[in-house]
Amino acid sequence: MDLTISATKKTIEKTKDFSYAIGYFSEMILPIIVVFSIYHDMYAHIVYFLGYFVSIYLNIWLKNIIKDPRPKPFYKFLDNESTKKDTQQKYGMPSGHSQNAFYSIVYLYMYFGSFYPWILICLGVGILTILERWLFRNHTLFQLCIGALIGSALGYIIFTIQTEVYEFYKTSSVLRDRRS
């Protein structure tokens, strides 16, 4: 009986560590899923990554303006995680992980226009991101929610601009003249 309980505790602990790792590395996992999902559309790849970089720089800019500190003390997920005090480490509003995660989720949702199965997986990764960042005290729930809102809005805006530019380009006289 004790052996079964011990094995169960180990399994639960490893599952928690795995889910925290998914949340921590979401900024790498979600772009891979998005690129895989839209592999056939090079124009969408370019726009997605331009928007992703806009999200990163917007986050740095907002952190420098808002200057809302992170909760103290924060816990390191990785042993070699940086503890230097630059802007990204010092300020927590808005959460960059949350912002980039929800930018990717909304962009992918807008691209497919419905709940494609990968979107549900991305949503799970987004929730794990918020959970990991909150449990390790990297952000408050408010900072995480604001990051998610900004990322969602940015995903919507970038996709809408992409659609409008693509429609304009498809119907422009320049394109029609080249085809003739």
N, C-alpha and C. Protein backbone atom coordinates (compact mmCIF):
# COMPACT_ATOMS: atom_id res chain seq x y z
N MET A 1 0.83 -1.20 0.00
CA MET A 1 0.00 0.00 0.00
C MET A 1 0.88 1.26 0.00
N ASP A 2 1.92 1.28 0.86
CA ASP A 2 2.80 2.44 0.91
C ASP A 2 3.54 2.65 -0.40
N LEU A 3 3.89 1.54 -1.06
CA LEU A 3 4.57 1.62 -2.34
C LEU A 3 3.66 2.25 -3.40
N THR A 4 2.40 1.90 -3.39
CA THR A 4 1.43 2.47 -4.33
C THR A 4 1.24 3.96 -4.09
N ILE A 5 1.15 4.36 -2.84
CA ILE A 5 0.99 5.78 -2.50
C ILE A 5 2.23 6.56 -2.91
N SER A 6 3.41 5.99 -2.66
CA SER A 6 4.66 6.64 -3.03
C SER A 6 4.76 6.81 -4.55
N ALA A 7 4.41 5.78 -5.30
CA ALA A 7 4.45 5.86 -6.76
C ALA A 7 3.45 6.89 -7.28
N THR A 8 2.28 6.94 -6.65
CA THR A 8 1.27 7.91 -7.05
C THR A 8 1.75 9.33 -6.79
N LYS A 9 2.36 9.56 -5.65
CA LYS A 9 2.89 10.90 -5.33
C LYS A 9 3.97 11.30 -6.32
N LYS A 10 4.85 10.37 -6.67
CA LYS A 10 5.91 10.67 -7.64
C LYS A 10 5.31 11.02 -9.00
N THR A 11 4.30 10.26 -9.41
CA THR A 11 3.65 10.52 -10.69
C THR A 11 2.98 11.89 -10.70
N ILE A 12 2.30 12.22 -9.62
CA ILE A 12 1.65 13.54 -9.51
C ILE A 12 2.70 14.64 -9.56
N GLU A 13 3.80 14.46 -8.86
CA GLU A 13 4.87 15.47 -8.82
C GLU A 13 5.48 15.67 -10.21
N LYS A 14 5.72 14.58 -10.92
CA LYS A 14 6.28 14.67 -12.27
C LYS A 14 5.29 15.32 -13.24
N THR A 15 4.01 15.02 -13.08
CA THR A 15 2.98 15.64 -13.91
C THR A 15 2.92 17.14 -13.66
N LYS A 16 3.02 17.55 -12.40
CA LYS A 16 3.04 18.98 -12.08
C LYS A 16 4.25 19.64 -12.71
N ASP A 17 5.42 19.02 -12.58
CA ASP A 17 6.64 19.60 -13.17
C ASP A 17 6.50 19.71 -14.69
N PHE A 18 5.92 18.70 -15.32
CA PHE A 18 5.72 18.72 -16.77
C PHE A 18 4.78 19.85 -17.17
N SER A 19 3.69 20.02 -16.43
CA SER A 19 2.75 21.09 -16.77
C SER A 19 3.37 22.46 -16.53
N TYR A 20 4.20 22.61 -15.49
CA TYR A 20 4.90 23.88 -15.27
C TYR A 20 5.87 24.16 -16.41
N ALA A 21 6.53 23.11 -16.90
CA ALA A 21 7.48 23.28 -18.01
C ALA A 21 6.75 23.74 -19.27
N ILE A 22 5.58 23.19 -19.52
CA ILE A 22 4.79 23.62 -20.68
C ILE A 22 4.46 25.10 -20.54
N GLY A 23 4.04 25.53 -19.36
CA GLY A 23 3.74 26.94 -19.13
C GLY A 23 4.96 27.83 -19.28
N TYR A 24 6.09 27.37 -18.76
CA TYR A 24 7.32 28.17 -18.80
C TYR A 24 7.82 28.33 -20.24
N PHE A 25 7.76 27.25 -21.02
CA PHE A 25 8.28 27.28 -22.38
C PHE A 25 7.21 27.57 -23.43
N SER A 26 6.08 28.10 -23.01
CA SER A 26 4.98 28.37 -23.95
C SER A 26 5.38 29.34 -25.05
N GLU A 27 6.31 30.24 -24.77
CA GLU A 27 6.73 31.20 -25.80
C GLU A 27 7.45 30.52 -26.95
N MET A 28 7.89 29.29 -26.76
CA MET A 28 8.49 28.50 -27.84
C MET A 28 7.50 27.48 -28.39
N ILE A 29 6.67 26.92 -27.53
CA ILE A 29 5.73 25.87 -27.94
C ILE A 29 4.65 26.42 -28.86
N LEU A 30 4.04 27.54 -28.48
CA LEU A 30 2.91 28.06 -29.26
C LEU A 30 3.30 28.51 -30.67
N PRO A 31 4.42 29.22 -30.87
CA PRO A 31 4.78 29.55 -32.25
C PRO A 31 5.02 28.31 -33.12
N ILE A 32 5.55 27.25 -32.52
CA ILE A 32 5.75 26.01 -33.28
C ILE A 32 4.41 25.44 -33.72
N ILE A 33 3.44 25.44 -32.81
CA ILE A 33 2.10 24.93 -33.16
C ILE A 33 1.46 25.80 -34.23
N VAL A 34 1.60 27.12 -34.11
CA VAL A 34 1.00 28.03 -35.11
C VAL A 34 1.64 27.80 -36.48
N VAL A 35 2.96 27.73 -36.52
CA VAL A 35 3.65 27.53 -37.80
C VAL A 35 3.27 26.18 -38.41
N PHE A 36 3.19 25.17 -37.59
CA PHE A 36 2.76 23.85 -38.06
C PHE A 36 1.34 23.91 -38.62
N SER A 37 0.47 24.63 -37.96
CA SER A 37 -0.94 24.68 -38.35
C SER A 37 -1.17 25.47 -39.63
N ILE A 38 -0.34 26.47 -39.89
CA ILE A 38 -0.52 27.30 -41.09
C ILE A 38 0.63 27.11 -42.08
N TYR A 39 1.19 25.90 -42.11
CA TYR A 39 2.38 25.61 -42.89
C TYR A 39 2.24 25.94 -44.37
N HIS A 40 1.06 25.91 -44.91
CA HIS A 40 0.84 26.09 -46.34
C HIS A 40 0.71 27.57 -46.75
N ASP A 41 0.71 28.49 -45.81
CA ASP A 41 0.46 29.91 -46.10
C ASP A 41 1.65 30.76 -45.66
N MET A 42 2.58 30.99 -46.58
CA MET A 42 3.80 31.73 -46.24
C MET A 42 3.49 33.18 -45.84
N TYR A 43 2.50 33.78 -46.49
CA TYR A 43 2.10 35.15 -46.14
C TYR A 43 1.66 35.22 -44.68
N ALA A 44 0.90 34.23 -44.23
CA ALA A 44 0.45 34.20 -42.83
C ALA A 44 1.63 34.00 -41.88
N HIS A 45 2.62 33.20 -42.29
CA HIS A 45 3.82 33.04 -41.45
C HIS A 45 4.51 34.38 -41.21
N ILE A 46 4.70 35.11 -42.28
CA ILE A 46 5.40 36.40 -42.18
C ILE A 46 4.62 37.35 -41.28
N VAL A 47 3.33 37.45 -41.50
CA VAL A 47 2.50 38.36 -40.70
C VAL A 47 2.47 37.92 -39.24
N TYR A 48 2.33 36.60 -39.01
CA TYR A 48 2.31 36.10 -37.63
C TYR A 48 3.59 36.48 -36.90
N PHE A 49 4.75 36.24 -37.51
CA PHE A 49 6.01 36.55 -36.83
C PHE A 49 6.24 38.04 -36.69
N LEU A 50 5.81 38.85 -37.65
CA LEU A 50 5.89 40.30 -37.48
C LEU A 50 5.06 40.73 -36.28
N GLY A 51 3.85 40.18 -36.17
CA GLY A 51 2.99 40.48 -35.03
C GLY A 51 3.58 39.99 -33.72
N TYR A 52 4.25 38.84 -33.76
CA TYR A 52 4.88 38.29 -32.55
C TYR A 52 5.98 39.23 -32.06
N PHE A 53 6.77 39.74 -33.00
CA PHE A 53 7.83 40.68 -32.61
C PHE A 53 7.24 42.01 -32.12
N VAL A 54 6.16 42.45 -32.73
CA VAL A 54 5.46 43.64 -32.24
C VAL A 54 5.00 43.40 -30.80
N SER A 55 4.48 42.22 -30.53
CA SER A 55 4.03 41.87 -29.18
C SER A 55 5.17 41.94 -28.17
N ILE A 56 6.33 41.41 -28.56
CA ILE A 56 7.50 41.43 -27.66
C ILE A 56 7.91 42.86 -27.35
N TYR A 57 8.04 43.69 -28.39
CA TYR A 57 8.50 45.06 -28.18
C TYR A 57 7.44 45.92 -27.51
N LEU A 58 6.17 45.66 -27.79
CA LEU A 58 5.09 46.36 -27.11
C LEU A 58 5.13 46.05 -25.62
N ASN A 59 5.42 44.81 -25.28
CA ASN A 59 5.49 44.40 -23.88
C ASN A 59 6.63 45.12 -23.16
N ILE A 60 7.79 45.19 -23.79
CA ILE A 60 8.93 45.89 -23.19
C ILE A 60 8.58 47.37 -23.00
N TRP A 61 7.97 47.98 -24.01
CA TRP A 61 7.60 49.39 -23.95
C TRP A 61 6.60 49.64 -22.82
N LEU A 62 5.57 48.79 -22.73
CA LEU A 62 4.56 48.96 -21.68
C LEU A 62 5.15 48.76 -20.28
N LYS A 63 6.06 47.80 -20.14
CA LYS A 63 6.69 47.59 -18.83
C LYS A 63 7.49 48.82 -18.40
N ASN A 64 8.15 49.48 -19.36
CA ASN A 64 8.91 50.70 -19.05
C ASN A 64 8.00 51.87 -18.69
N ILE A 65 6.79 51.88 -19.22
CA ILE A 65 5.86 52.96 -18.93
C ILE A 65 5.11 52.71 -17.62
N ILE A 66 4.57 51.50 -17.46
CA ILE A 66 3.72 51.20 -16.30
C ILE A 66 4.54 51.00 -15.03
N LYS A 67 5.66 50.30 -15.13
CA LYS A 67 6.59 50.07 -14.01
C LYS A 67 5.92 49.46 -12.78
N ASP A 68 5.04 48.51 -13.01
CA ASP A 68 4.41 47.79 -11.91
C ASP A 68 5.32 46.62 -11.53
N PRO A 69 5.81 46.58 -10.28
CA PRO A 69 6.79 45.54 -9.92
C PRO A 69 6.17 44.14 -9.87
N ARG A 70 7.05 43.17 -9.99
CA ARG A 70 6.64 41.78 -9.84
C ARG A 70 6.42 41.48 -8.36
N PRO A 71 5.64 40.43 -8.06
CA PRO A 71 5.48 40.04 -6.65
C PRO A 71 6.82 39.56 -6.08
N LYS A 72 6.97 39.71 -4.77
CA LYS A 72 8.20 39.24 -4.11
C LYS A 72 7.84 38.25 -3.04
N PRO A 73 8.63 37.25 -2.77
CA PRO A 73 9.73 36.77 -3.61
C PRO A 73 9.18 35.90 -4.73
N PHE A 74 9.87 35.92 -5.87
CA PHE A 74 9.45 35.02 -6.94
C PHE A 74 10.33 33.78 -6.87
N TYR A 75 9.77 32.68 -7.32
CA TYR A 75 10.47 31.40 -7.27
C TYR A 75 10.98 31.06 -8.66
N LYS A 76 12.20 30.55 -8.72
CA LYS A 76 12.77 30.17 -10.01
C LYS A 76 12.25 28.80 -10.42
N PHE A 77 11.85 28.69 -11.68
CA PHE A 77 11.43 27.39 -12.20
C PHE A 77 12.65 26.55 -12.55
N LEU A 78 13.63 27.17 -13.21
CA LEU A 78 14.87 26.49 -13.57
C LEU A 78 15.98 26.94 -12.63
N ASP A 79 16.88 26.04 -12.32
CA ASP A 79 17.99 26.38 -11.42
C ASP A 79 18.87 27.48 -11.99
N ASN A 80 19.03 27.51 -13.31
CA ASN A 80 19.91 28.51 -13.92
C ASN A 80 19.14 29.73 -14.44
N GLU A 81 17.92 29.92 -13.99
CA GLU A 81 17.10 31.06 -14.41
C GLU A 81 17.77 32.35 -13.94
N SER A 82 17.76 33.34 -14.80
CA SER A 82 18.41 34.61 -14.51
C SER A 82 17.73 35.35 -13.36
N THR A 83 18.54 35.97 -12.54
CA THR A 83 18.00 36.81 -11.47
C THR A 83 18.46 38.25 -11.62
N LYS A 84 19.03 38.60 -12.78
CA LYS A 84 19.48 39.97 -12.99
C LYS A 84 18.28 40.92 -13.00
N LYS A 85 18.50 42.15 -12.65
CA LYS A 85 17.41 43.11 -12.50
C LYS A 85 17.32 44.06 -13.70
N ASP A 86 16.98 43.52 -14.86
CA ASP A 86 16.70 44.39 -16.00
C ASP A 86 15.20 44.66 -16.04
N THR A 87 14.77 45.42 -17.03
CA THR A 87 13.35 45.79 -17.11
C THR A 87 12.45 44.58 -17.16
N GLN A 88 12.84 43.57 -17.93
CA GLN A 88 12.01 42.37 -18.05
C GLN A 88 11.89 41.65 -16.72
N GLN A 89 12.92 41.67 -15.89
CA GLN A 89 12.89 40.98 -14.61
C GLN A 89 12.25 41.83 -13.52
N LYS A 90 12.45 43.13 -13.58
CA LYS A 90 12.02 44.02 -12.51
C LYS A 90 10.52 44.29 -12.52
N TYR A 91 9.97 44.52 -13.70
CA TYR A 91 8.57 44.89 -13.82
C TYR A 91 7.74 43.72 -14.37
N GLY A 92 6.49 43.64 -13.93
CA GLY A 92 5.67 42.51 -14.31
C GLY A 92 4.41 42.84 -15.08
N MET A 93 4.12 44.12 -15.29
CA MET A 93 2.87 44.51 -15.96
C MET A 93 3.15 45.01 -17.35
N PRO A 94 2.61 44.42 -18.36
CA PRO A 94 1.82 43.19 -18.44
C PRO A 94 2.73 41.98 -18.56
N SER A 95 2.19 40.82 -18.33
CA SER A 95 2.97 39.57 -18.44
C SER A 95 3.28 39.30 -19.90
N GLY A 96 4.57 39.18 -20.21
CA GLY A 96 4.98 38.89 -21.58
C GLY A 96 4.62 37.48 -22.01
N HIS A 97 4.78 36.52 -21.11
CA HIS A 97 4.41 35.14 -21.44
C HIS A 97 2.92 35.05 -21.78
N SER A 98 2.10 35.65 -20.93
CA SER A 98 0.66 35.62 -21.14
C SER A 98 0.28 36.36 -22.42
N GLN A 99 0.90 37.50 -22.63
CA GLN A 99 0.60 38.31 -23.82
C GLN A 99 0.94 37.54 -25.10
N ASN A 100 2.13 36.96 -25.16
CA ASN A 100 2.53 36.23 -26.37
C ASN A 100 1.72 34.96 -26.56
N ALA A 101 1.37 34.30 -25.46
CA ALA A 101 0.56 33.08 -25.56
C ALA A 101 -0.80 33.40 -26.16
N PHE A 102 -1.46 34.42 -25.65
CA PHE A 102 -2.81 34.72 -26.13
C PHE A 102 -2.79 35.43 -27.47
N TYR A 103 -1.70 36.08 -27.83
CA TYR A 103 -1.56 36.59 -29.21
C TYR A 103 -1.61 35.39 -30.17
N SER A 104 -0.83 34.35 -29.87
CA SER A 104 -0.77 33.17 -30.72
C SER A 104 -2.12 32.46 -30.79
N ILE A 105 -2.79 32.32 -29.66
CA ILE A 105 -4.08 31.63 -29.61
C ILE A 105 -5.12 32.36 -30.45
N VAL A 106 -5.23 33.67 -30.26
CA VAL A 106 -6.25 34.44 -30.99
C VAL A 106 -5.92 34.50 -32.47
N TYR A 107 -4.64 34.65 -32.81
CA TYR A 107 -4.26 34.68 -34.22
C TYR A 107 -4.66 33.36 -34.90
N LEU A 108 -4.35 32.25 -34.24
CA LEU A 108 -4.68 30.95 -34.82
C LEU A 108 -6.20 30.76 -34.92
N TYR A 109 -6.92 31.20 -33.91
CA TYR A 109 -8.38 31.11 -33.95
C TYR A 109 -8.94 31.94 -35.11
N MET A 110 -8.44 33.15 -35.26
CA MET A 110 -8.91 34.02 -36.35
C MET A 110 -8.55 33.41 -37.71
N TYR A 111 -7.41 32.79 -37.80
CA TYR A 111 -6.98 32.20 -39.06
C TYR A 111 -7.93 31.10 -39.50
N PHE A 112 -8.32 30.22 -38.58
CA PHE A 112 -9.20 29.11 -38.92
C PHE A 112 -10.68 29.49 -38.81
N GLY A 113 -11.00 30.50 -38.02
CA GLY A 113 -12.38 30.94 -37.90
C GLY A 113 -13.27 30.03 -37.10
N SER A 114 -12.72 29.02 -36.48
CA SER A 114 -13.49 28.11 -35.63
C SER A 114 -12.52 27.38 -34.70
N PHE A 115 -13.06 26.54 -33.85
CA PHE A 115 -12.21 25.82 -32.90
C PHE A 115 -11.59 24.59 -33.54
N TYR A 116 -10.55 24.82 -34.28
CA TYR A 116 -9.69 23.79 -34.84
C TYR A 116 -9.04 23.06 -33.65
N PRO A 117 -8.83 21.73 -33.73
CA PRO A 117 -8.30 21.00 -32.56
C PRO A 117 -7.02 21.58 -31.95
N TRP A 118 -6.13 22.10 -32.79
CA TRP A 118 -4.89 22.66 -32.24
C TRP A 118 -5.17 23.90 -31.39
N ILE A 119 -6.25 24.59 -31.66
CA ILE A 119 -6.58 25.78 -30.87
C ILE A 119 -6.89 25.38 -29.44
N LEU A 120 -7.57 24.26 -29.26
CA LEU A 120 -7.86 23.78 -27.91
C LEU A 120 -6.57 23.42 -27.16
N ILE A 121 -5.63 22.82 -27.88
CA ILE A 121 -4.33 22.51 -27.27
C ILE A 121 -3.62 23.81 -26.89
N CYS A 122 -3.65 24.78 -27.79
CA CYS A 122 -3.03 26.09 -27.50
C CYS A 122 -3.70 26.76 -26.30
N LEU A 123 -5.00 26.65 -26.21
CA LEU A 123 -5.71 27.23 -25.07
C LEU A 123 -5.27 26.56 -23.77
N GLY A 124 -5.08 25.26 -23.80
CA GLY A 124 -4.56 24.54 -22.63
C GLY A 124 -3.16 25.02 -22.26
N VAL A 125 -2.31 25.24 -23.27
CA VAL A 125 -0.96 25.77 -23.01
C VAL A 125 -1.05 27.18 -22.43
N GLY A 126 -1.98 27.99 -22.94
CA GLY A 126 -2.17 29.35 -22.41
C GLY A 126 -2.59 29.34 -20.95
N ILE A 127 -3.48 28.43 -20.60
CA ILE A 127 -3.92 28.32 -19.20
C ILE A 127 -2.77 27.85 -18.32
N LEU A 128 -1.98 26.89 -18.81
CA LEU A 128 -0.81 26.43 -18.05
C LEU A 128 0.23 27.54 -17.89
N THR A 129 0.33 28.41 -18.90
CA THR A 129 1.24 29.55 -18.82
C THR A 129 0.83 30.47 -17.67
N ILE A 130 -0.45 30.81 -17.63
CA ILE A 130 -0.94 31.68 -16.56
C ILE A 130 -0.74 31.02 -15.20
N LEU A 131 -1.05 29.75 -15.11
CA LEU A 131 -0.91 29.02 -13.86
C LEU A 131 0.54 28.99 -13.39
N GLU A 132 1.46 28.66 -14.29
CA GLU A 132 2.89 28.59 -13.93
C GLU A 132 3.42 29.95 -13.50
N ARG A 133 3.08 30.99 -14.25
CA ARG A 133 3.60 32.33 -13.93
C ARG A 133 3.04 32.83 -12.59
N TRP A 134 1.81 32.44 -12.27
CA TRP A 134 1.20 32.86 -11.01
C TRP A 134 1.73 32.04 -9.84
N LEU A 135 1.81 30.73 -9.99
CA LEU A 135 2.27 29.88 -8.88
C LEU A 135 3.73 30.14 -8.51
N PHE A 136 4.55 30.50 -9.51
CA PHE A 136 5.95 30.79 -9.23
C PHE A 136 6.17 32.27 -8.90
N ARG A 137 5.07 32.98 -8.72
CA ARG A 137 5.07 34.38 -8.29
C ARG A 137 5.89 35.30 -9.21
N ASN A 138 5.83 35.02 -10.50
CA ASN A 138 6.44 35.93 -11.47
C ASN A 138 5.52 37.10 -11.78
N HIS A 139 4.21 36.88 -11.58
CA HIS A 139 3.21 37.91 -11.86
C HIS A 139 2.03 37.76 -10.92
N THR A 140 1.29 38.85 -10.78
CA THR A 140 0.01 38.77 -10.09
C THR A 140 -1.04 38.31 -11.12
N LEU A 141 -2.18 37.88 -10.65
CA LEU A 141 -3.25 37.48 -11.58
C LEU A 141 -3.68 38.66 -12.45
N PHE A 142 -3.69 39.87 -11.89
CA PHE A 142 -4.06 41.05 -12.66
C PHE A 142 -3.07 41.28 -13.81
N GLN A 143 -1.77 41.16 -13.53
CA GLN A 143 -0.76 41.33 -14.57
C GLN A 143 -0.92 40.28 -15.67
N LEU A 144 -1.25 39.06 -15.26
CA LEU A 144 -1.45 37.98 -16.23
C LEU A 144 -2.69 38.21 -17.09
N CYS A 145 -3.76 38.65 -16.46
CA CYS A 145 -5.01 38.92 -17.21
C CYS A 145 -4.84 40.08 -18.18
N ILE A 146 -4.15 41.13 -17.75
CA ILE A 146 -3.90 42.26 -18.65
C ILE A 146 -3.02 41.83 -19.81
N GLY A 147 -2.01 41.01 -19.55
CA GLY A 147 -1.17 40.47 -20.63
C GLY A 147 -2.00 39.67 -21.61
N ALA A 148 -2.91 38.84 -21.09
CA ALA A 148 -3.77 38.03 -21.96
C ALA A 148 -4.69 38.92 -22.80
N LEU A 149 -5.22 39.97 -22.20
CA LEU A 149 -6.11 40.89 -22.94
C LEU A 149 -5.35 41.63 -24.04
N ILE A 150 -4.16 42.11 -23.71
CA ILE A 150 -3.36 42.83 -24.71
C ILE A 150 -2.97 41.88 -25.85
N GLY A 151 -2.53 40.67 -25.51
CA GLY A 151 -2.16 39.69 -26.53
C GLY A 151 -3.34 39.32 -27.40
N SER A 152 -4.50 39.14 -26.79
CA SER A 152 -5.71 38.80 -27.56
C SER A 152 -6.08 39.93 -28.50
N ALA A 153 -6.06 41.15 -28.00
CA ALA A 153 -6.38 42.31 -28.84
C ALA A 153 -5.38 42.44 -29.99
N LEU A 154 -4.11 42.25 -29.69
CA LEU A 154 -3.08 42.35 -30.72
C LEU A 154 -3.25 41.26 -31.78
N GLY A 155 -3.56 40.04 -31.35
CA GLY A 155 -3.81 38.96 -32.31
C GLY A 155 -4.97 39.29 -33.23
N TYR A 156 -6.03 39.85 -32.66
CA TYR A 156 -7.20 40.25 -33.46
C TYR A 156 -6.84 41.36 -34.44
N ILE A 157 -6.13 42.37 -33.95
CA ILE A 157 -5.76 43.52 -34.80
C ILE A 157 -4.83 43.09 -35.93
N ILE A 158 -3.80 42.31 -35.60
CA ILE A 158 -2.84 41.88 -36.62
C ILE A 158 -3.54 41.04 -37.69
N PHE A 159 -4.40 40.12 -37.27
CA PHE A 159 -5.09 39.29 -38.25
C PHE A 159 -6.04 40.12 -39.10
N THR A 160 -6.73 41.07 -38.50
CA THR A 160 -7.64 41.93 -39.25
C THR A 160 -6.88 42.75 -40.28
N ILE A 161 -5.74 43.30 -39.89
CA ILE A 161 -4.91 44.06 -40.84
C ILE A 161 -4.43 43.15 -41.96
N GLN A 162 -4.00 41.96 -41.60
CA GLN A 162 -3.55 40.99 -42.61
C GLN A 162 -4.65 40.72 -43.62
N THR A 163 -5.85 40.49 -43.16
CA THR A 163 -6.98 40.18 -44.03
C THR A 163 -7.29 41.36 -44.95
N GLU A 164 -7.30 42.57 -44.37
CA GLU A 164 -7.61 43.77 -45.18
C GLU A 164 -6.55 44.01 -46.24
N VAL A 165 -5.28 43.88 -45.88
CA VAL A 165 -4.19 44.09 -46.84
C VAL A 165 -4.25 43.04 -47.93
N TYR A 166 -4.49 41.80 -47.54
CA TYR A 166 -4.57 40.71 -48.53
C TYR A 166 -5.73 40.93 -49.48
N GLU A 167 -6.88 41.33 -48.97
CA GLU A 167 -8.05 41.60 -49.83
C GLU A 167 -7.78 42.79 -50.74
N PHE A 168 -7.14 43.83 -50.23
CA PHE A 168 -6.81 44.98 -51.05
C PHE A 168 -5.85 44.58 -52.17
N TYR A 169 -4.85 43.80 -51.81
CA TYR A 169 -3.86 43.38 -52.80
C TYR A 169 -4.49 42.49 -53.87
N LYS A 170 -5.39 41.61 -53.47
CA LYS A 170 -6.07 40.72 -54.43
C LYS A 170 -6.91 41.50 -55.42
N THR A 171 -7.53 42.60 -54.98
CA THR A 171 -8.43 43.34 -55.85
C THR A 171 -7.81 44.59 -56.45
N SER A 172 -6.54 44.85 -56.16
CA SER A 172 -5.93 46.10 -56.65
C SER A 172 -5.68 46.02 -58.16
N SER A 173 -5.64 47.17 -58.78
CA SER A 173 -5.41 47.25 -60.22
C SER A 173 -3.98 46.86 -60.57
N VAL A 174 -3.06 47.04 -59.65
CA VAL A 174 -1.66 46.67 -59.90
C VAL A 174 -1.56 45.18 -60.18
N LEU A 175 -2.23 44.39 -59.34
CA LEU A 175 -2.21 42.94 -59.53
C LEU A 175 -2.91 42.53 -60.81
N ARG A 176 -4.03 43.17 -61.11
CA ARG A 176 -4.77 42.83 -62.35
C ARG A 176 -3.94 43.17 -63.58
N ASP A 177 -3.20 44.30 -63.54
CA ASP A 177 -2.38 44.71 -64.68
C ASP A 177 -1.25 43.72 -64.92
N ARG A 178 -0.69 43.14 -63.86
CA ARG A 178 0.41 42.17 -64.02
C ARG A 178 -0.08 40.88 -64.64
N ARG A 179 -1.29 40.50 -64.32
CA ARG A 179 -1.82 39.23 -64.83
C ARG A 179 -2.12 39.31 -66.33
N SER A 180 -2.36 40.50 -66.83
CA SER A 180 -2.74 40.66 -68.25
C SER A 180 -1.57 40.46 -69.18
